[in-house]
N, C-alpha and C. Protein backbone atom coordinates (compact mmCIF):
# COMPACT_ATOMS: atom_id res chain seq x y z
N MET A 1 9.98 -13.07 -5.45
CA MET A 1 9.99 -14.27 -6.27
C MET A 1 9.42 -13.92 -7.64
N LYS A 2 10.05 -14.41 -8.65
CA LYS A 2 9.57 -14.20 -10.01
C LYS A 2 8.47 -15.22 -10.33
N THR A 3 7.66 -14.89 -11.30
CA THR A 3 6.54 -15.75 -11.69
C THR A 3 7.03 -17.15 -12.06
N GLN A 4 8.11 -17.23 -12.84
CA GLN A 4 8.64 -18.54 -13.24
C GLN A 4 9.11 -19.34 -12.03
N GLU A 5 9.70 -18.67 -11.05
CA GLU A 5 10.15 -19.36 -9.84
C GLU A 5 8.96 -19.95 -9.08
N LEU A 6 7.86 -19.20 -9.03
CA LEU A 6 6.65 -19.73 -8.38
C LEU A 6 6.16 -20.96 -9.13
N PHE A 7 6.09 -20.87 -10.46
CA PHE A 7 5.62 -22.02 -11.24
C PHE A 7 6.53 -23.23 -11.03
N ASN A 8 7.84 -23.02 -10.96
CA ASN A 8 8.77 -24.13 -10.71
C ASN A 8 8.52 -24.75 -9.34
N LEU A 9 8.31 -23.91 -8.33
CA LEU A 9 8.03 -24.39 -6.98
C LEU A 9 6.75 -25.22 -6.95
N LEU A 10 5.72 -24.72 -7.61
CA LEU A 10 4.45 -25.46 -7.66
C LEU A 10 4.63 -26.79 -8.38
N GLU A 11 5.32 -26.78 -9.50
CA GLU A 11 5.55 -28.00 -10.28
C GLU A 11 6.28 -29.06 -9.44
N GLN A 12 7.22 -28.64 -8.63
CA GLN A 12 8.00 -29.57 -7.81
C GLN A 12 7.21 -30.09 -6.61
N ASN A 13 6.06 -29.49 -6.33
CA ASN A 13 5.29 -29.87 -5.13
C ASN A 13 3.81 -30.09 -5.44
N LYS A 14 3.50 -30.56 -6.65
CA LYS A 14 2.10 -30.64 -7.07
C LYS A 14 1.26 -31.65 -6.28
N ASP A 15 1.91 -32.51 -5.51
CA ASP A 15 1.17 -33.49 -4.71
C ASP A 15 0.84 -32.97 -3.30
N LYS A 16 1.12 -31.69 -3.04
CA LYS A 16 0.93 -31.12 -1.70
C LYS A 16 -0.29 -30.20 -1.65
N SER A 17 -0.66 -29.83 -0.44
CA SER A 17 -1.69 -28.80 -0.23
C SER A 17 -0.99 -27.45 -0.23
N LEU A 18 -1.70 -26.42 -0.71
CA LEU A 18 -1.11 -25.09 -0.85
C LEU A 18 -1.66 -24.16 0.22
N LEU A 19 -0.78 -23.71 1.10
CA LEU A 19 -1.15 -22.80 2.18
C LEU A 19 -0.39 -21.49 2.01
N PHE A 20 -1.01 -20.42 2.49
CA PHE A 20 -0.38 -19.10 2.44
C PHE A 20 -0.33 -18.53 3.85
N GLU A 21 0.86 -18.16 4.29
CA GLU A 21 1.06 -17.53 5.58
C GLU A 21 1.25 -16.02 5.33
N TYR A 22 0.23 -15.22 5.67
CA TYR A 22 0.26 -13.79 5.34
C TYR A 22 0.89 -12.94 6.43
N ALA A 23 1.07 -13.49 7.62
CA ALA A 23 1.77 -12.87 8.74
C ALA A 23 2.26 -14.03 9.59
N PRO A 24 3.23 -13.81 10.48
CA PRO A 24 3.74 -14.94 11.26
C PRO A 24 2.61 -15.72 11.96
N ASN A 25 2.53 -16.99 11.62
CA ASN A 25 1.53 -17.92 12.18
C ASN A 25 0.08 -17.54 11.87
N GLN A 26 -0.14 -16.74 10.84
CA GLN A 26 -1.48 -16.37 10.38
C GLN A 26 -1.64 -16.87 8.94
N PHE A 27 -2.59 -17.76 8.74
CA PHE A 27 -2.76 -18.40 7.44
C PHE A 27 -4.06 -17.99 6.77
N VAL A 28 -4.01 -17.84 5.45
CA VAL A 28 -5.23 -17.66 4.67
C VAL A 28 -6.08 -18.89 4.93
N GLY A 29 -7.38 -18.72 5.13
CA GLY A 29 -8.26 -19.84 5.44
C GLY A 29 -8.31 -20.89 4.35
N ALA A 30 -8.61 -22.11 4.74
CA ALA A 30 -8.73 -23.21 3.77
C ALA A 30 -9.86 -22.97 2.78
N ASN A 31 -10.71 -21.99 3.07
CA ASN A 31 -11.82 -21.66 2.18
C ASN A 31 -11.44 -20.65 1.10
N TYR A 32 -10.11 -20.49 0.86
CA TYR A 32 -9.70 -19.50 -0.14
C TYR A 32 -9.92 -20.00 -1.56
N HIS A 33 -10.08 -19.02 -2.43
CA HIS A 33 -10.16 -19.24 -3.88
C HIS A 33 -9.17 -18.31 -4.55
N ILE A 34 -8.67 -18.70 -5.70
CA ILE A 34 -7.90 -17.79 -6.55
C ILE A 34 -8.94 -17.11 -7.42
N THR A 35 -9.19 -15.83 -7.16
CA THR A 35 -10.30 -15.14 -7.82
C THR A 35 -9.89 -14.26 -8.98
N GLU A 36 -8.62 -13.94 -9.08
CA GLU A 36 -8.19 -13.08 -10.17
C GLU A 36 -6.68 -13.18 -10.31
N VAL A 37 -6.20 -13.12 -11.54
CA VAL A 37 -4.77 -13.02 -11.82
C VAL A 37 -4.59 -11.79 -12.68
N LYS A 38 -3.78 -10.87 -12.19
CA LYS A 38 -3.55 -9.61 -12.89
C LYS A 38 -2.16 -9.61 -13.51
N HIS A 39 -2.09 -9.24 -14.77
CA HIS A 39 -0.82 -9.04 -15.46
C HIS A 39 -0.64 -7.53 -15.54
N VAL A 40 0.21 -7.00 -14.69
CA VAL A 40 0.28 -5.55 -14.49
C VAL A 40 1.59 -4.99 -15.04
N THR A 41 1.47 -3.87 -15.74
CA THR A 41 2.63 -3.11 -16.17
C THR A 41 2.63 -1.81 -15.38
N ILE A 42 3.70 -1.57 -14.66
CA ILE A 42 3.87 -0.35 -13.90
C ILE A 42 4.73 0.59 -14.75
N ASP A 43 4.27 1.81 -14.93
CA ASP A 43 5.01 2.84 -15.67
C ASP A 43 5.02 4.05 -14.75
N SER A 44 6.16 4.32 -14.12
CA SER A 44 6.17 5.28 -13.02
C SER A 44 7.17 6.41 -13.20
N VAL A 45 6.94 7.46 -12.42
CA VAL A 45 7.88 8.57 -12.27
C VAL A 45 8.05 8.77 -10.78
N ASP A 46 9.29 8.74 -10.29
CA ASP A 46 9.50 8.91 -8.85
C ASP A 46 9.67 10.39 -8.50
N CYS A 47 9.83 10.67 -7.21
CA CYS A 47 9.90 12.06 -6.73
C CYS A 47 11.17 12.77 -7.19
N GLY A 48 12.12 12.04 -7.74
CA GLY A 48 13.33 12.64 -8.30
C GLY A 48 13.23 12.80 -9.81
N SER A 49 12.03 12.67 -10.35
CA SER A 49 11.74 12.81 -11.79
C SER A 49 12.40 11.73 -12.65
N GLN A 50 12.66 10.57 -12.05
CA GLN A 50 13.21 9.44 -12.81
C GLN A 50 12.07 8.51 -13.20
N THR A 51 12.10 8.06 -14.44
CA THR A 51 11.07 7.13 -14.91
C THR A 51 11.54 5.70 -14.70
N ASP A 52 10.57 4.82 -14.59
CA ASP A 52 10.86 3.39 -14.42
C ASP A 52 9.66 2.62 -14.94
N ALA A 53 9.87 1.38 -15.29
CA ALA A 53 8.78 0.51 -15.74
C ALA A 53 9.14 -0.93 -15.40
N TRP A 54 8.13 -1.69 -15.01
CA TRP A 54 8.33 -3.10 -14.74
C TRP A 54 6.98 -3.80 -14.79
N LYS A 55 7.01 -5.12 -14.74
CA LYS A 55 5.79 -5.92 -14.79
C LYS A 55 5.66 -6.73 -13.51
N GLU A 56 4.42 -6.99 -13.14
CA GLU A 56 4.11 -7.80 -11.97
C GLU A 56 2.99 -8.76 -12.30
N THR A 57 3.01 -9.91 -11.64
CA THR A 57 1.89 -10.85 -11.68
C THR A 57 1.26 -10.79 -10.29
N ILE A 58 -0.01 -10.44 -10.22
CA ILE A 58 -0.69 -10.33 -8.93
C ILE A 58 -1.82 -11.35 -8.89
N ILE A 59 -1.73 -12.26 -7.93
CA ILE A 59 -2.71 -13.33 -7.77
C ILE A 59 -3.57 -13.00 -6.55
N GLN A 60 -4.85 -12.86 -6.78
CA GLN A 60 -5.77 -12.48 -5.71
C GLN A 60 -6.33 -13.71 -5.01
N LEU A 61 -6.28 -13.69 -3.69
CA LEU A 61 -6.85 -14.76 -2.87
C LEU A 61 -8.05 -14.21 -2.12
N TRP A 62 -9.12 -14.98 -2.08
CA TRP A 62 -10.36 -14.56 -1.43
C TRP A 62 -10.90 -15.72 -0.62
N GLU A 63 -11.33 -15.45 0.60
CA GLU A 63 -11.93 -16.47 1.45
C GLU A 63 -13.44 -16.44 1.28
N SER A 64 -13.99 -17.55 0.84
CA SER A 64 -15.43 -17.65 0.60
C SER A 64 -16.20 -17.74 1.92
N PRO A 65 -17.14 -16.81 2.13
CA PRO A 65 -17.95 -16.88 3.37
C PRO A 65 -18.86 -18.11 3.39
N ASN A 66 -19.12 -18.70 2.24
CA ASN A 66 -19.96 -19.90 2.18
C ASN A 66 -19.22 -21.17 2.58
N GLU A 67 -17.89 -21.06 2.77
CA GLU A 67 -17.09 -22.24 3.10
C GLU A 67 -16.31 -22.07 4.40
N ILE A 68 -16.79 -21.21 5.28
CA ILE A 68 -16.12 -21.03 6.57
C ILE A 68 -16.13 -22.36 7.30
N GLY A 69 -15.02 -22.69 7.89
CA GLY A 69 -14.91 -23.97 8.60
C GLY A 69 -14.30 -25.07 7.75
N LYS A 70 -14.11 -24.81 6.47
CA LYS A 70 -13.47 -25.80 5.59
C LYS A 70 -12.06 -26.07 6.12
N THR A 71 -11.65 -27.31 6.11
CA THR A 71 -10.33 -27.67 6.66
C THR A 71 -9.36 -28.18 5.61
N GLU A 72 -9.85 -28.56 4.44
CA GLU A 72 -8.97 -29.08 3.40
C GLU A 72 -8.55 -27.95 2.47
N TYR A 73 -7.26 -27.71 2.39
CA TYR A 73 -6.73 -26.64 1.55
C TYR A 73 -6.69 -27.05 0.08
N MET A 74 -6.68 -26.05 -0.78
CA MET A 74 -6.53 -26.28 -2.22
C MET A 74 -5.23 -27.02 -2.47
N SER A 75 -5.26 -27.95 -3.41
CA SER A 75 -4.04 -28.66 -3.77
C SER A 75 -3.19 -27.78 -4.70
N VAL A 76 -1.91 -27.99 -4.64
CA VAL A 76 -1.00 -27.30 -5.56
C VAL A 76 -1.41 -27.63 -6.99
N TYR A 77 -1.79 -28.88 -7.21
CA TYR A 77 -2.19 -29.32 -8.56
C TYR A 77 -3.37 -28.48 -9.09
N LYS A 78 -4.37 -28.24 -8.23
CA LYS A 78 -5.52 -27.44 -8.65
C LYS A 78 -5.11 -25.98 -8.91
N ALA A 79 -4.27 -25.43 -8.03
CA ALA A 79 -3.80 -24.06 -8.23
C ALA A 79 -3.05 -23.94 -9.55
N MET A 80 -2.21 -24.93 -9.85
CA MET A 80 -1.48 -24.93 -11.12
C MET A 80 -2.44 -24.96 -12.30
N ALA A 81 -3.50 -25.74 -12.21
CA ALA A 81 -4.47 -25.83 -13.30
C ALA A 81 -5.12 -24.47 -13.54
N ILE A 82 -5.46 -23.76 -12.46
CA ILE A 82 -6.06 -22.43 -12.59
C ILE A 82 -5.06 -21.48 -13.26
N LEU A 83 -3.83 -21.48 -12.77
CA LEU A 83 -2.82 -20.56 -13.31
C LEU A 83 -2.46 -20.89 -14.76
N LYS A 84 -2.45 -22.17 -15.10
CA LYS A 84 -2.17 -22.55 -16.49
C LYS A 84 -3.30 -22.10 -17.41
N LYS A 85 -4.54 -22.23 -16.95
CA LYS A 85 -5.69 -21.78 -17.76
C LYS A 85 -5.58 -20.28 -18.02
N VAL A 86 -5.23 -19.52 -16.99
CA VAL A 86 -5.05 -18.07 -17.16
C VAL A 86 -3.95 -17.80 -18.18
N GLY A 87 -2.84 -18.52 -18.07
CA GLY A 87 -1.71 -18.32 -18.97
C GLY A 87 -2.05 -18.59 -20.43
N LYS A 88 -2.99 -19.48 -20.68
CA LYS A 88 -3.42 -19.74 -22.06
C LYS A 88 -4.25 -18.58 -22.60
N MET A 89 -4.97 -17.91 -21.71
CA MET A 89 -5.81 -16.79 -22.12
C MET A 89 -5.00 -15.49 -22.23
N LYS A 90 -4.11 -15.27 -21.28
CA LYS A 90 -3.25 -14.09 -21.26
C LYS A 90 -1.88 -14.55 -20.79
N PRO A 91 -0.91 -14.58 -21.69
CA PRO A 91 0.42 -15.10 -21.34
C PRO A 91 1.08 -14.31 -20.21
N TYR A 92 1.83 -15.03 -19.39
CA TYR A 92 2.56 -14.44 -18.28
C TYR A 92 3.87 -13.83 -18.77
N THR A 93 4.35 -12.84 -18.04
CA THR A 93 5.72 -12.37 -18.16
C THR A 93 6.46 -13.11 -17.05
N LEU A 94 7.23 -14.11 -17.43
CA LEU A 94 7.78 -15.05 -16.45
C LEU A 94 8.83 -14.44 -15.53
N ASP A 95 9.46 -13.33 -15.96
CA ASP A 95 10.43 -12.69 -15.07
C ASP A 95 9.80 -11.56 -14.25
N ALA A 96 8.46 -11.47 -14.28
CA ALA A 96 7.75 -10.47 -13.47
C ALA A 96 7.71 -10.91 -12.01
N GLU A 97 7.81 -9.94 -11.11
CA GLU A 97 7.66 -10.22 -9.68
C GLU A 97 6.23 -10.73 -9.45
N VAL A 98 6.08 -11.75 -8.62
CA VAL A 98 4.75 -12.25 -8.30
C VAL A 98 4.37 -11.74 -6.91
N LYS A 99 3.13 -11.30 -6.79
CA LYS A 99 2.59 -10.85 -5.51
C LYS A 99 1.24 -11.51 -5.31
N PHE A 100 0.83 -11.58 -4.06
CA PHE A 100 -0.50 -12.09 -3.74
C PHE A 100 -1.28 -10.97 -3.07
N GLU A 101 -2.49 -10.75 -3.56
CA GLU A 101 -3.37 -9.74 -3.00
C GLU A 101 -4.36 -10.44 -2.08
N TYR A 102 -4.47 -9.93 -0.85
CA TYR A 102 -5.28 -10.64 0.13
C TYR A 102 -5.77 -9.68 1.21
N SER A 103 -6.91 -10.00 1.78
CA SER A 103 -7.41 -9.33 2.98
C SER A 103 -8.38 -10.26 3.67
N ASN A 104 -8.65 -9.94 4.93
CA ASN A 104 -9.73 -10.60 5.66
C ASN A 104 -10.28 -9.59 6.66
N THR A 105 -11.11 -10.01 7.58
CA THR A 105 -11.76 -9.06 8.48
C THR A 105 -10.79 -8.38 9.44
N THR A 106 -9.61 -8.93 9.64
CA THR A 106 -8.64 -8.32 10.54
C THR A 106 -7.36 -7.88 9.85
N PHE A 107 -7.26 -8.08 8.55
CA PHE A 107 -6.05 -7.76 7.79
C PHE A 107 -6.45 -6.96 6.56
N ASN A 108 -6.04 -5.70 6.51
CA ASN A 108 -6.41 -4.84 5.37
C ASN A 108 -5.83 -5.35 4.07
N THR A 109 -6.53 -5.07 2.98
CA THR A 109 -6.09 -5.51 1.66
C THR A 109 -4.66 -5.04 1.41
N ALA A 110 -3.83 -5.97 0.99
CA ALA A 110 -2.43 -5.67 0.72
C ALA A 110 -1.93 -6.55 -0.41
N GLN A 111 -0.93 -6.05 -1.11
CA GLN A 111 -0.21 -6.85 -2.08
C GLN A 111 1.04 -7.34 -1.38
N LEU A 112 1.14 -8.65 -1.24
CA LEU A 112 2.18 -9.27 -0.44
C LEU A 112 3.21 -9.95 -1.33
N PHE A 113 4.47 -9.77 -1.00
CA PHE A 113 5.56 -10.41 -1.71
C PHE A 113 5.76 -11.82 -1.17
N VAL A 114 6.29 -12.70 -2.01
CA VAL A 114 6.68 -14.03 -1.53
C VAL A 114 8.03 -13.85 -0.86
N ASN A 115 8.08 -14.10 0.43
CA ASN A 115 9.28 -13.91 1.22
C ASN A 115 10.09 -15.20 1.32
N ASP A 116 9.39 -16.33 1.32
CA ASP A 116 10.03 -17.62 1.51
C ASP A 116 8.97 -18.71 1.31
N PHE A 117 9.37 -19.94 1.43
CA PHE A 117 8.42 -21.05 1.43
C PHE A 117 8.96 -22.14 2.32
N GLU A 118 8.07 -23.02 2.72
CA GLU A 118 8.44 -24.13 3.60
C GLU A 118 7.62 -25.35 3.23
N ILE A 119 8.25 -26.50 3.25
CA ILE A 119 7.55 -27.77 3.09
C ILE A 119 7.38 -28.32 4.51
N ARG A 120 6.13 -28.52 4.91
CA ARG A 120 5.85 -29.06 6.24
C ARG A 120 4.89 -30.22 6.05
N GLY A 121 5.42 -31.44 6.14
CA GLY A 121 4.59 -32.62 5.90
C GLY A 121 4.09 -32.62 4.47
N ASN A 122 2.77 -32.65 4.29
CA ASN A 122 2.16 -32.66 2.96
C ASN A 122 1.73 -31.25 2.53
N ASP A 123 2.27 -30.23 3.18
CA ASP A 123 1.88 -28.86 2.88
C ASP A 123 3.04 -28.07 2.28
N LEU A 124 2.73 -27.32 1.25
CA LEU A 124 3.64 -26.29 0.73
C LEU A 124 3.12 -24.97 1.30
N ILE A 125 3.92 -24.35 2.15
CA ILE A 125 3.52 -23.10 2.78
C ILE A 125 4.29 -21.96 2.12
N VAL A 126 3.54 -21.08 1.45
CA VAL A 126 4.14 -19.90 0.82
C VAL A 126 4.05 -18.78 1.85
N LYS A 127 5.22 -18.27 2.23
CA LYS A 127 5.29 -17.23 3.27
C LYS A 127 5.31 -15.86 2.60
N LEU A 128 4.31 -15.08 2.94
CA LEU A 128 4.13 -13.77 2.33
C LEU A 128 4.58 -12.68 3.29
N ALA A 129 4.93 -11.52 2.72
CA ALA A 129 5.38 -10.40 3.56
C ALA A 129 5.03 -9.09 2.89
N ILE A 130 4.82 -8.10 3.72
CA ILE A 130 4.56 -6.75 3.24
C ILE A 130 5.90 -6.03 3.16
N GLU A 131 6.13 -5.31 2.08
CA GLU A 131 7.30 -4.44 1.99
C GLU A 131 6.84 -3.02 2.22
N LYS A 132 7.59 -2.30 3.01
CA LYS A 132 7.25 -0.91 3.29
C LYS A 132 7.56 -0.04 2.06
N THR A 133 6.84 1.05 1.94
CA THR A 133 7.13 1.99 0.87
C THR A 133 8.49 2.63 1.14
N ASP A 134 9.10 3.13 0.08
CA ASP A 134 10.43 3.70 0.19
C ASP A 134 10.61 4.78 -0.87
N CYS A 135 11.52 5.67 -0.65
CA CYS A 135 11.86 6.70 -1.62
C CYS A 135 12.94 6.13 -2.55
N LYS A 136 12.69 6.12 -3.83
CA LYS A 136 13.66 5.61 -4.79
C LYS A 136 14.69 6.66 -5.19
N ALA A 137 14.43 7.91 -4.86
CA ALA A 137 15.30 9.01 -5.28
C ALA A 137 15.99 9.66 -4.09
N LYS A 138 16.45 8.84 -3.15
CA LYS A 138 17.04 9.38 -1.93
C LYS A 138 18.19 10.34 -2.20
N SER A 139 19.09 9.95 -3.11
CA SER A 139 20.24 10.82 -3.36
C SER A 139 19.80 12.13 -4.02
N THR A 140 18.85 12.08 -4.92
CA THR A 140 18.33 13.28 -5.57
C THR A 140 17.62 14.18 -4.57
N CYS A 141 16.90 13.57 -3.65
CA CYS A 141 16.12 14.33 -2.67
C CYS A 141 16.91 14.70 -1.42
N GLY A 142 18.17 14.24 -1.33
CA GLY A 142 18.99 14.56 -0.18
C GLY A 142 18.63 13.78 1.07
N ILE A 143 18.11 12.58 0.89
CA ILE A 143 17.71 11.74 2.02
C ILE A 143 18.79 10.70 2.26
N SER A 144 19.22 10.59 3.50
CA SER A 144 20.26 9.64 3.87
C SER A 144 19.64 8.27 4.11
N ASP A 145 20.38 7.24 3.76
CA ASP A 145 19.94 5.88 4.06
C ASP A 145 20.18 5.53 5.53
N GLU A 146 21.03 6.31 6.18
CA GLU A 146 21.35 6.04 7.57
C GLU A 146 20.18 6.43 8.47
N LYS A 147 19.97 5.65 9.48
CA LYS A 147 18.92 5.95 10.46
C LYS A 147 19.46 7.01 11.42
N GLU A 148 18.67 8.03 11.69
CA GLU A 148 19.08 9.06 12.62
C GLU A 148 18.70 8.63 14.02
N LEU A 149 19.67 8.66 14.91
CA LEU A 149 19.44 8.28 16.29
C LEU A 149 19.03 9.51 17.07
N VAL A 150 17.89 9.47 17.71
CA VAL A 150 17.41 10.58 18.51
C VAL A 150 17.47 10.15 19.97
N LEU A 151 18.25 10.89 20.74
CA LEU A 151 18.39 10.57 22.16
C LEU A 151 17.37 11.34 22.96
N ALA A 152 16.79 10.68 23.90
CA ALA A 152 15.81 11.35 24.77
C ALA A 152 16.57 12.19 25.79
N ASN A 153 15.99 13.34 26.13
CA ASN A 153 16.55 14.15 27.21
C ASN A 153 15.40 14.54 28.12
N ASP A 154 15.64 15.49 28.98
CA ASP A 154 14.61 15.83 29.96
C ASP A 154 13.42 16.56 29.36
N GLU A 155 13.62 17.25 28.24
CA GLU A 155 12.47 17.97 27.68
C GLU A 155 11.80 17.14 26.61
N PRO A 156 10.50 17.27 26.48
CA PRO A 156 9.77 16.50 25.46
C PRO A 156 10.32 16.81 24.08
N CYS A 157 10.45 15.78 23.29
CA CYS A 157 11.02 15.91 21.95
C CYS A 157 10.27 16.91 21.09
N CYS A 158 8.98 16.87 21.12
CA CYS A 158 8.20 17.68 20.18
C CYS A 158 7.64 18.95 20.81
N SER A 159 8.23 19.38 21.88
CA SER A 159 7.82 20.67 22.43
C SER A 159 8.36 21.77 21.52
N PRO A 160 7.85 22.98 21.62
CA PRO A 160 8.38 24.06 20.77
C PRO A 160 9.88 24.25 20.93
N ASP A 161 10.42 23.91 22.09
CA ASP A 161 11.86 24.06 22.30
C ASP A 161 12.63 22.77 22.01
N GLY A 162 11.91 21.70 21.63
CA GLY A 162 12.56 20.41 21.38
C GLY A 162 13.49 20.51 20.19
N ASN A 163 14.44 19.56 20.10
CA ASN A 163 15.45 19.65 19.04
C ASN A 163 15.29 18.57 17.97
N CYS A 164 14.20 17.84 17.96
CA CYS A 164 14.13 16.74 16.98
C CYS A 164 12.93 16.83 16.06
N CYS A 165 12.15 17.88 16.15
CA CYS A 165 10.97 17.98 15.29
C CYS A 165 11.16 19.05 14.24
């Protein structure tokens, strides 16, 4: 989701509570705060020696240990006010991909993509997902996009005589 798309979604649902689902049926606690907004420029070189550059908006969510047990989620309206204040200080790149940075005691820190959203009653649920790393230079590196099927046989795959290691 692009930053502008997120802002449009929030604007259309400002009367709702804002929830984040970071894994199936796992929600960021109601005690979350928006603690940082990063305007990031990525300037990269991949393993095939190709350069690339893009921008991202990364919004950090943090669960306050002083508010454990809180049941009322932040309103979309309040989240919009925070994001608008940031935008006045440091303008957004509206076509930048938006990600949410989050962790808790059972979920390692990750930058999560917006995968989808759902309106459930008075809640706007932003569904987050992790994208796996990938090789951008597959053709240069001779890597096939096809999955290799390995059939099991009587001998262990990774034995010295195995045929798949």
